């Protein structure tokens, strides 16, 4: 029988353990949501809301996808993912706990490969028109 503390520690260990396979698998399989949604239908908060609003606005203008511009979109293809990563990093630092670290590590393992997939999609879709210096998720780095 698990005590509350043992259950908590098991869950944290499991999240950390699953981070590496998630990161590795995400290099080969793109999660089916957003622009990567499959036809079979499987499937700092301010930065996330702002970036999502910009993307929805571009889509609602008609004519399909457009290159997002302004704000953090000038530096990265996925500022919404950057915002979420920064949020979990802040939470991890503020709690200074294994739970905080686990959520941060798993968020990175999930969102960084997703950002790379989105970045590649933008490069393929827009080719020479896509900003050359824009990175996937971390400004000036990656």
N, C-alpha and C. Protein backbone atom coordinates (compact mmCIF):
# COMPACT_ATOMS: atom_id res chain seq x y z
N UNK A 1 0.85 -1.18 0.00
CA UNK A 1 0.00 0.00 0.00
C UNK A 1 0.89 1.24 0.00
N UNK A 2 0.58 2.16 -0.87
CA UNK A 2 1.34 3.40 -0.99
C UNK A 2 0.88 4.42 0.05
N UNK A 3 1.82 5.04 0.70
CA UNK A 3 1.47 6.22 1.51
C UNK A 3 1.39 7.40 0.56
N UNK A 4 0.83 8.51 1.00
CA UNK A 4 0.74 9.70 0.15
C UNK A 4 2.11 10.15 -0.34
N UNK A 5 3.09 10.12 0.54
CA UNK A 5 4.43 10.55 0.16
C UNK A 5 5.06 9.59 -0.85
N UNK A 6 4.86 8.29 -0.65
CA UNK A 6 5.41 7.32 -1.61
C UNK A 6 4.74 7.45 -2.97
N UNK A 7 3.44 7.67 -2.99
CA UNK A 7 2.72 7.86 -4.24
C UNK A 7 3.21 9.11 -4.95
N UNK A 8 3.36 10.19 -4.21
CA UNK A 8 3.87 11.44 -4.77
C UNK A 8 5.25 11.23 -5.38
N UNK A 9 6.15 10.59 -4.65
CA UNK A 9 7.51 10.35 -5.16
C UNK A 9 7.49 9.45 -6.38
N UNK A 10 6.61 8.45 -6.39
CA UNK A 10 6.50 7.56 -7.55
C UNK A 10 6.06 8.35 -8.78
N UNK A 11 5.06 9.23 -8.63
CA UNK A 11 4.56 10.01 -9.76
C UNK A 11 5.65 10.93 -10.30
N UNK A 12 6.40 11.59 -9.42
CA UNK A 12 7.48 12.47 -9.85
C UNK A 12 8.54 11.66 -10.60
N UNK A 13 8.92 10.52 -10.05
CA UNK A 13 9.90 9.65 -10.70
C UNK A 13 9.40 9.21 -12.07
N UNK A 14 8.12 8.85 -12.16
CA UNK A 14 7.54 8.41 -13.42
C UNK A 14 7.56 9.52 -14.47
N UNK A 15 7.22 10.73 -14.08
CA UNK A 15 7.24 11.86 -15.02
C UNK A 15 8.65 12.09 -15.53
N UNK A 16 9.62 12.09 -14.63
CA UNK A 16 11.02 12.27 -15.06
C UNK A 16 11.47 11.12 -15.95
N UNK A 17 11.09 9.92 -15.61
CA UNK A 17 11.46 8.74 -16.40
C UNK A 17 10.86 8.81 -17.80
N UNK A 18 9.63 9.30 -17.93
CA UNK A 18 8.94 9.36 -19.22
C UNK A 18 9.41 10.54 -20.08
N UNK A 19 10.15 11.47 -19.50
CA UNK A 19 10.60 12.63 -20.27
C UNK A 19 11.54 12.25 -21.40
N UNK A 20 12.48 11.38 -21.14
CA UNK A 20 13.44 10.99 -22.18
C UNK A 20 12.77 10.26 -23.34
N UNK A 21 11.94 9.23 -23.08
CA UNK A 21 11.27 8.59 -24.22
C UNK A 21 10.34 9.55 -24.97
N UNK A 22 9.70 10.45 -24.25
CA UNK A 22 8.83 11.43 -24.92
C UNK A 22 9.65 12.29 -25.86
N UNK A 23 10.79 12.77 -25.39
CA UNK A 23 11.66 13.62 -26.21
C UNK A 23 12.15 12.85 -27.43
N UNK A 24 12.58 11.60 -27.24
CA UNK A 24 13.09 10.80 -28.35
C UNK A 24 11.99 10.51 -29.37
N UNK A 25 10.83 10.06 -28.91
CA UNK A 25 9.74 9.76 -29.83
C UNK A 25 9.24 11.00 -30.56
N UNK A 26 9.28 12.15 -29.89
CA UNK A 26 8.81 13.39 -30.52
C UNK A 26 9.73 13.83 -31.66
N UNK A 27 10.93 13.27 -31.74
CA UNK A 27 11.83 13.57 -32.85
C UNK A 27 11.36 12.89 -34.14
N UNK A 28 10.57 11.81 -33.98
CA UNK A 28 10.15 11.02 -35.13
C UNK A 28 8.66 11.12 -35.45
N UNK A 29 7.86 11.50 -34.46
CA UNK A 29 6.41 11.60 -34.63
C UNK A 29 5.94 12.97 -34.19
N UNK A 30 5.19 13.63 -35.04
CA UNK A 30 4.64 14.94 -34.70
C UNK A 30 3.27 14.75 -34.08
N UNK A 31 3.05 15.38 -32.93
CA UNK A 31 1.75 15.27 -32.25
C UNK A 31 0.65 15.85 -33.13
N UNK A 32 -0.47 15.15 -33.24
CA UNK A 32 -1.51 15.56 -34.18
C UNK A 32 -2.48 16.61 -33.63
N UNK A 33 -1.99 17.84 -33.42
CA UNK A 33 -2.91 18.92 -33.07
C UNK A 33 -2.41 20.20 -33.73
N UNK A 34 -3.30 21.21 -33.77
CA UNK A 34 -2.95 22.45 -34.47
C UNK A 34 -2.79 22.20 -35.95
N UNK A 35 -1.79 22.81 -36.55
CA UNK A 35 -1.58 22.66 -38.00
C UNK A 35 -1.16 21.25 -38.39
N UNK A 36 -0.77 20.45 -37.40
CA UNK A 36 -0.35 19.07 -37.67
C UNK A 36 -1.48 18.07 -37.42
N UNK A 37 -2.70 18.57 -37.23
CA UNK A 37 -3.83 17.70 -36.98
C UNK A 37 -4.08 16.79 -38.17
N UNK A 38 -4.32 15.54 -37.87
CA UNK A 38 -4.57 14.57 -38.93
C UNK A 38 -6.06 14.52 -39.23
N UNK A 39 -6.37 14.08 -40.42
CA UNK A 39 -7.77 14.03 -40.83
C UNK A 39 -8.58 13.03 -40.01
N UNK A 40 -7.93 12.06 -39.37
CA UNK A 40 -8.66 11.08 -38.57
C UNK A 40 -9.06 11.65 -37.21
N UNK A 41 -8.70 12.91 -36.94
CA UNK A 41 -9.13 13.63 -35.75
C UNK A 41 -8.59 13.04 -34.45
N UNK A 42 -7.41 12.42 -34.46
CA UNK A 42 -6.83 11.96 -33.21
C UNK A 42 -6.27 13.15 -32.44
N UNK A 43 -6.34 12.58 -31.48
CA UNK A 43 -5.85 13.70 -30.87
C UNK A 43 -5.45 14.03 -29.41
N UNK A 44 3.82 33.77 -16.87
CA UNK A 44 3.69 34.26 -18.11
C UNK A 44 2.68 33.81 -19.04
N UNK A 45 1.69 33.24 -18.71
CA UNK A 45 0.47 32.95 -19.44
C UNK A 45 0.19 34.01 -20.50
N UNK A 46 0.62 35.19 -20.37
CA UNK A 46 0.36 36.27 -21.32
C UNK A 46 0.95 35.94 -22.68
N UNK A 47 2.15 35.36 -22.72
CA UNK A 47 2.79 35.01 -23.98
C UNK A 47 1.96 33.99 -24.73
N UNK A 48 1.47 32.97 -24.02
CA UNK A 48 0.65 31.95 -24.67
C UNK A 48 -0.61 32.54 -25.27
N UNK A 49 -1.33 33.34 -24.48
CA UNK A 49 -2.58 33.92 -24.95
C UNK A 49 -2.32 34.86 -26.12
N UNK A 50 -1.28 35.69 -26.01
CA UNK A 50 -0.96 36.63 -27.08
C UNK A 50 -0.61 35.88 -28.38
N UNK A 51 0.30 34.89 -28.28
CA UNK A 51 0.72 34.16 -29.48
C UNK A 51 -0.44 33.41 -30.11
N UNK A 52 -1.27 32.79 -29.29
CA UNK A 52 -2.44 32.10 -29.83
C UNK A 52 -3.38 33.09 -30.53
N UNK A 53 -3.54 34.27 -29.94
CA UNK A 53 -4.38 35.30 -30.55
C UNK A 53 -3.85 35.75 -31.90
N UNK A 54 -2.54 35.93 -32.01
CA UNK A 54 -1.93 36.32 -33.28
C UNK A 54 -2.17 35.25 -34.33
N UNK A 55 -1.94 34.00 -33.96
CA UNK A 55 -2.12 32.90 -34.91
C UNK A 55 -3.57 32.77 -35.35
N UNK A 56 -4.50 32.88 -34.41
CA UNK A 56 -5.91 32.81 -34.77
C UNK A 56 -6.32 33.97 -35.66
N UNK A 57 -5.77 35.15 -35.37
CA UNK A 57 -6.06 36.32 -36.19
C UNK A 57 -5.58 36.14 -37.62
N UNK A 58 -4.41 35.58 -37.79
CA UNK A 58 -3.89 35.34 -39.14
C UNK A 58 -4.76 34.37 -39.91
N UNK A 59 -5.22 33.35 -39.21
CA UNK A 59 -6.05 32.34 -39.85
C UNK A 59 -7.41 32.91 -40.25
N UNK A 60 -7.97 33.79 -39.40
CA UNK A 60 -9.30 34.32 -39.67
C UNK A 60 -9.32 35.36 -40.78
N UNK A 61 -8.13 35.86 -41.16
CA UNK A 61 -8.05 36.83 -42.26
C UNK A 61 -8.32 36.17 -43.60
N UNK A 62 -8.37 34.88 -43.64
CA UNK A 62 -8.64 34.17 -44.88
C UNK A 62 -7.38 33.94 -45.68
N UNK A 63 -7.50 33.10 -46.68
CA UNK A 63 -6.36 32.83 -47.55
C UNK A 63 -5.38 31.83 -47.00
N UNK A 64 -5.69 31.11 -45.95
CA UNK A 64 -4.80 30.09 -45.41
C UNK A 64 -3.78 30.65 -44.43
N UNK A 65 -2.70 29.92 -44.27
CA UNK A 65 -1.68 30.29 -43.30
C UNK A 65 -0.84 31.46 -43.80
N UNK A 66 -0.41 32.29 -42.85
CA UNK A 66 0.48 33.41 -43.15
C UNK A 66 1.64 33.36 -42.17
N UNK A 67 2.72 34.06 -42.50
CA UNK A 67 3.88 34.13 -41.61
C UNK A 67 3.55 35.06 -40.46
N UNK A 68 3.61 34.55 -39.21
CA UNK A 68 3.36 35.43 -38.07
C UNK A 68 4.49 36.45 -37.91
N UNK A 69 4.13 37.67 -37.59
CA UNK A 69 5.11 38.75 -37.42
C UNK A 69 4.81 39.47 -36.11
N UNK A 70 5.76 40.21 -35.63
CA UNK A 70 5.68 41.08 -34.44
C UNK A 70 6.00 40.34 -33.15
N UNK A 71 6.38 41.11 -32.17
CA UNK A 71 6.68 40.56 -30.84
C UNK A 71 7.71 39.45 -30.90
N UNK A 72 7.49 38.43 -30.10
CA UNK A 72 8.42 37.30 -30.05
C UNK A 72 8.45 36.48 -31.33
N UNK A 73 7.44 36.64 -32.19
CA UNK A 73 7.47 35.94 -33.48
C UNK A 73 8.64 36.41 -34.34
N UNK A 74 9.22 37.55 -34.04
CA UNK A 74 10.39 38.00 -34.79
C UNK A 74 11.62 37.16 -34.45
N UNK A 75 11.58 36.47 -33.31
CA UNK A 75 12.74 35.69 -32.84
C UNK A 75 12.54 34.18 -32.89
N UNK A 76 11.30 33.73 -32.67
CA UNK A 76 11.03 32.28 -32.64
C UNK A 76 9.73 31.97 -33.37
N UNK A 77 9.66 30.75 -33.88
CA UNK A 77 8.45 30.30 -34.57
C UNK A 77 7.32 29.99 -33.60
N UNK A 78 7.66 29.64 -32.37
CA UNK A 78 6.65 29.19 -31.41
C UNK A 78 6.76 29.92 -30.07
N UNK A 79 6.44 31.22 -30.03
CA UNK A 79 6.54 31.93 -28.75
C UNK A 79 5.55 31.41 -27.71
N UNK A 80 4.46 30.79 -28.14
CA UNK A 80 3.53 30.21 -27.18
C UNK A 80 4.19 29.06 -26.41
N UNK A 81 4.99 28.26 -27.10
CA UNK A 81 5.71 27.17 -26.42
C UNK A 81 6.81 27.74 -25.53
N UNK A 82 7.51 28.76 -26.02
CA UNK A 82 8.52 29.43 -25.19
C UNK A 82 7.88 29.95 -23.91
N UNK A 83 6.71 30.58 -24.03
CA UNK A 83 6.01 31.10 -22.86
C UNK A 83 5.68 30.02 -21.85
N UNK A 84 5.20 28.88 -22.35
CA UNK A 84 4.86 27.79 -21.44
C UNK A 84 6.10 27.21 -20.77
N UNK A 85 7.19 27.09 -21.52
CA UNK A 85 8.44 26.59 -20.94
C UNK A 85 8.92 27.54 -19.85
N UNK A 86 8.86 28.84 -20.10
CA UNK A 86 9.29 29.83 -19.11
C UNK A 86 8.38 29.78 -17.88
N UNK A 87 7.08 29.59 -18.09
CA UNK A 87 6.15 29.47 -16.96
C UNK A 87 6.55 28.30 -16.05
N UNK A 88 6.79 27.14 -16.66
CA UNK A 88 7.14 25.97 -15.84
C UNK A 88 8.52 26.09 -15.22
N UNK A 89 9.44 26.77 -15.91
CA UNK A 89 10.75 27.04 -15.31
C UNK A 89 10.57 27.92 -14.07
N UNK A 90 9.76 28.97 -14.19
CA UNK A 90 9.50 29.84 -13.04
C UNK A 90 8.87 29.09 -11.89
N UNK A 91 7.91 28.22 -12.21
CA UNK A 91 7.25 27.44 -11.16
C UNK A 91 8.25 26.49 -10.50
N UNK A 92 9.10 25.87 -11.31
CA UNK A 92 10.11 24.96 -10.77
C UNK A 92 11.07 25.70 -9.83
N UNK A 93 11.48 26.90 -10.24
CA UNK A 93 12.39 27.67 -9.39
C UNK A 93 11.70 28.17 -8.12
N UNK A 94 10.46 28.60 -8.26
CA UNK A 94 9.75 29.11 -7.08
C UNK A 94 9.45 28.01 -6.07
N UNK A 95 9.13 26.82 -6.53
CA UNK A 95 8.82 25.72 -5.60
C UNK A 95 10.08 25.00 -5.15
N UNK A 96 11.14 25.09 -5.95
CA UNK A 96 12.40 24.40 -5.68
C UNK A 96 12.12 22.97 -5.22
N UNK A 97 11.36 22.24 -6.08
CA UNK A 97 10.92 20.91 -5.71
C UNK A 97 11.15 19.94 -6.86
N UNK A 98 11.11 18.66 -6.53
CA UNK A 98 11.20 17.64 -7.57
C UNK A 98 9.99 17.71 -8.50
N UNK A 99 8.84 18.05 -7.94
CA UNK A 99 7.63 18.17 -8.77
C UNK A 99 7.80 19.28 -9.79
N UNK A 100 8.34 20.41 -9.35
CA UNK A 100 8.58 21.53 -10.26
C UNK A 100 9.56 21.14 -11.35
N UNK A 101 10.64 20.48 -10.97
CA UNK A 101 11.63 20.03 -11.95
C UNK A 101 11.01 19.05 -12.93
N UNK A 102 10.21 18.12 -12.42
CA UNK A 102 9.59 17.12 -13.29
C UNK A 102 8.68 17.77 -14.32
N UNK A 103 7.85 18.71 -13.90
CA UNK A 103 6.96 19.39 -14.85
C UNK A 103 7.75 20.18 -15.88
N UNK A 104 8.81 20.85 -15.45
CA UNK A 104 9.64 21.62 -16.37
C UNK A 104 10.32 20.71 -17.40
N UNK A 105 10.93 19.62 -16.92
CA UNK A 105 11.64 18.70 -17.81
C UNK A 105 10.67 18.07 -18.80
N UNK A 106 9.51 17.63 -18.32
CA UNK A 106 8.55 17.00 -19.22
C UNK A 106 7.99 17.99 -20.23
N UNK A 107 7.75 19.22 -19.79
CA UNK A 107 7.26 20.25 -20.71
C UNK A 107 8.27 20.48 -21.83
N UNK A 108 9.55 20.56 -21.48
CA UNK A 108 10.59 20.73 -22.50
C UNK A 108 10.66 19.52 -23.43
N UNK A 109 10.57 18.32 -22.85
CA UNK A 109 10.64 17.10 -23.66
C UNK A 109 9.49 17.04 -24.66
N UNK A 110 8.36 17.61 -24.31
CA UNK A 110 7.19 17.58 -25.18
C UNK A 110 7.18 18.76 -26.16
N UNK A 111 7.45 19.97 -25.68
CA UNK A 111 7.27 21.15 -26.52
C UNK A 111 8.45 21.52 -27.41
N UNK A 112 9.67 21.21 -27.01
CA UNK A 112 10.81 21.56 -27.86
C UNK A 112 10.76 20.80 -29.19
N UNK A 113 10.55 19.48 -29.20
CA UNK A 113 10.42 18.80 -30.50
C UNK A 113 9.21 19.29 -31.29
N UNK A 114 8.14 19.63 -30.59
CA UNK A 114 6.95 20.16 -31.26
C UNK A 114 7.27 21.49 -31.95
N UNK A 115 8.03 22.34 -31.26
CA UNK A 115 8.43 23.62 -31.85
C UNK A 115 9.32 23.40 -33.07
N UNK A 116 10.20 22.43 -33.00
CA UNK A 116 11.06 22.12 -34.15
C UNK A 116 10.21 21.66 -35.33
N UNK A 117 9.20 20.83 -35.07
CA UNK A 117 8.30 20.39 -36.15
C UNK A 117 7.57 21.58 -36.77
N UNK A 118 7.08 22.47 -35.93
CA UNK A 118 6.40 23.66 -36.44
C UNK A 118 7.35 24.53 -37.26
N UNK A 119 8.57 24.70 -36.77
CA UNK A 119 9.57 25.52 -37.46
C UNK A 119 9.88 24.94 -38.85
N UNK A 120 10.06 23.62 -38.91
CA UNK A 120 10.31 22.96 -40.20
C UNK A 120 9.12 23.13 -41.13
N UNK A 121 7.90 23.05 -40.57
CA UNK A 121 6.70 23.22 -41.38
C UNK A 121 6.67 24.62 -41.98
N UNK A 122 6.95 25.64 -41.17
CA UNK A 122 7.00 27.01 -41.68
C UNK A 122 8.05 27.16 -42.79
N UNK A 123 9.23 26.56 -42.58
CA UNK A 123 10.28 26.66 -43.59
C UNK A 123 9.86 26.00 -44.90
N UNK A 124 9.21 24.83 -44.80
CA UNK A 124 8.75 24.15 -46.01
C UNK A 124 7.60 24.90 -46.68
N UNK A 125 6.70 25.43 -45.89
CA UNK A 125 5.51 26.11 -46.42
C UNK A 125 5.86 27.44 -47.07
N UNK A 126 6.76 28.23 -46.44
CA UNK A 126 7.02 29.58 -46.90
C UNK A 126 8.39 29.76 -47.56
N UNK A 127 9.25 28.76 -47.46
CA UNK A 127 10.54 28.79 -48.15
C UNK A 127 11.34 30.05 -47.91
N UNK A 128 11.74 30.70 -48.99
CA UNK A 128 12.60 31.88 -48.93
C UNK A 128 11.95 33.08 -48.23
N UNK A 129 10.62 33.09 -48.15
CA UNK A 129 9.91 34.20 -47.50
C UNK A 129 9.99 34.15 -45.98
N UNK A 130 10.32 32.98 -45.44
CA UNK A 130 10.35 32.84 -43.98
C UNK A 130 11.64 33.46 -43.43
N UNK A 131 11.55 34.22 -42.33
CA UNK A 131 12.73 34.89 -41.78
C UNK A 131 13.88 33.92 -41.48
N UNK A 132 15.04 34.23 -42.01
CA UNK A 132 16.21 33.33 -41.91
C UNK A 132 16.75 33.19 -40.49
N UNK A 133 16.69 34.26 -39.70
CA UNK A 133 17.28 34.25 -38.36
C UNK A 133 16.34 33.74 -37.27
N UNK A 134 15.11 33.46 -37.62
CA UNK A 134 14.12 33.00 -36.63
C UNK A 134 14.45 31.57 -36.21
N UNK A 135 14.45 31.33 -34.91
CA UNK A 135 14.71 30.00 -34.36
C UNK A 135 13.39 29.31 -34.03
N UNK A 136 13.45 28.06 -33.63
CA UNK A 136 12.24 27.30 -33.35
C UNK A 136 11.57 27.74 -32.05
N UNK A 137 12.33 27.74 -30.95
CA UNK A 137 11.69 28.03 -29.65
C UNK A 137 12.53 28.90 -28.72
N UNK A 138 13.85 28.83 -28.79
CA UNK A 138 14.69 29.63 -27.90
C UNK A 138 15.39 30.70 -28.73
N UNK A 139 15.08 31.99 -28.48
CA UNK A 139 15.66 33.07 -29.30
C UNK A 139 17.19 32.96 -29.38
N UNK A 140 17.70 33.11 -30.60
CA UNK A 140 19.13 33.12 -30.92
C UNK A 140 19.83 31.77 -30.72
N UNK A 141 19.15 30.76 -30.18
CA UNK A 141 19.81 29.50 -29.86
C UNK A 141 19.30 28.31 -30.66
N UNK A 142 18.00 28.02 -30.56
CA UNK A 142 17.47 26.76 -31.10
C UNK A 142 16.03 26.93 -31.52
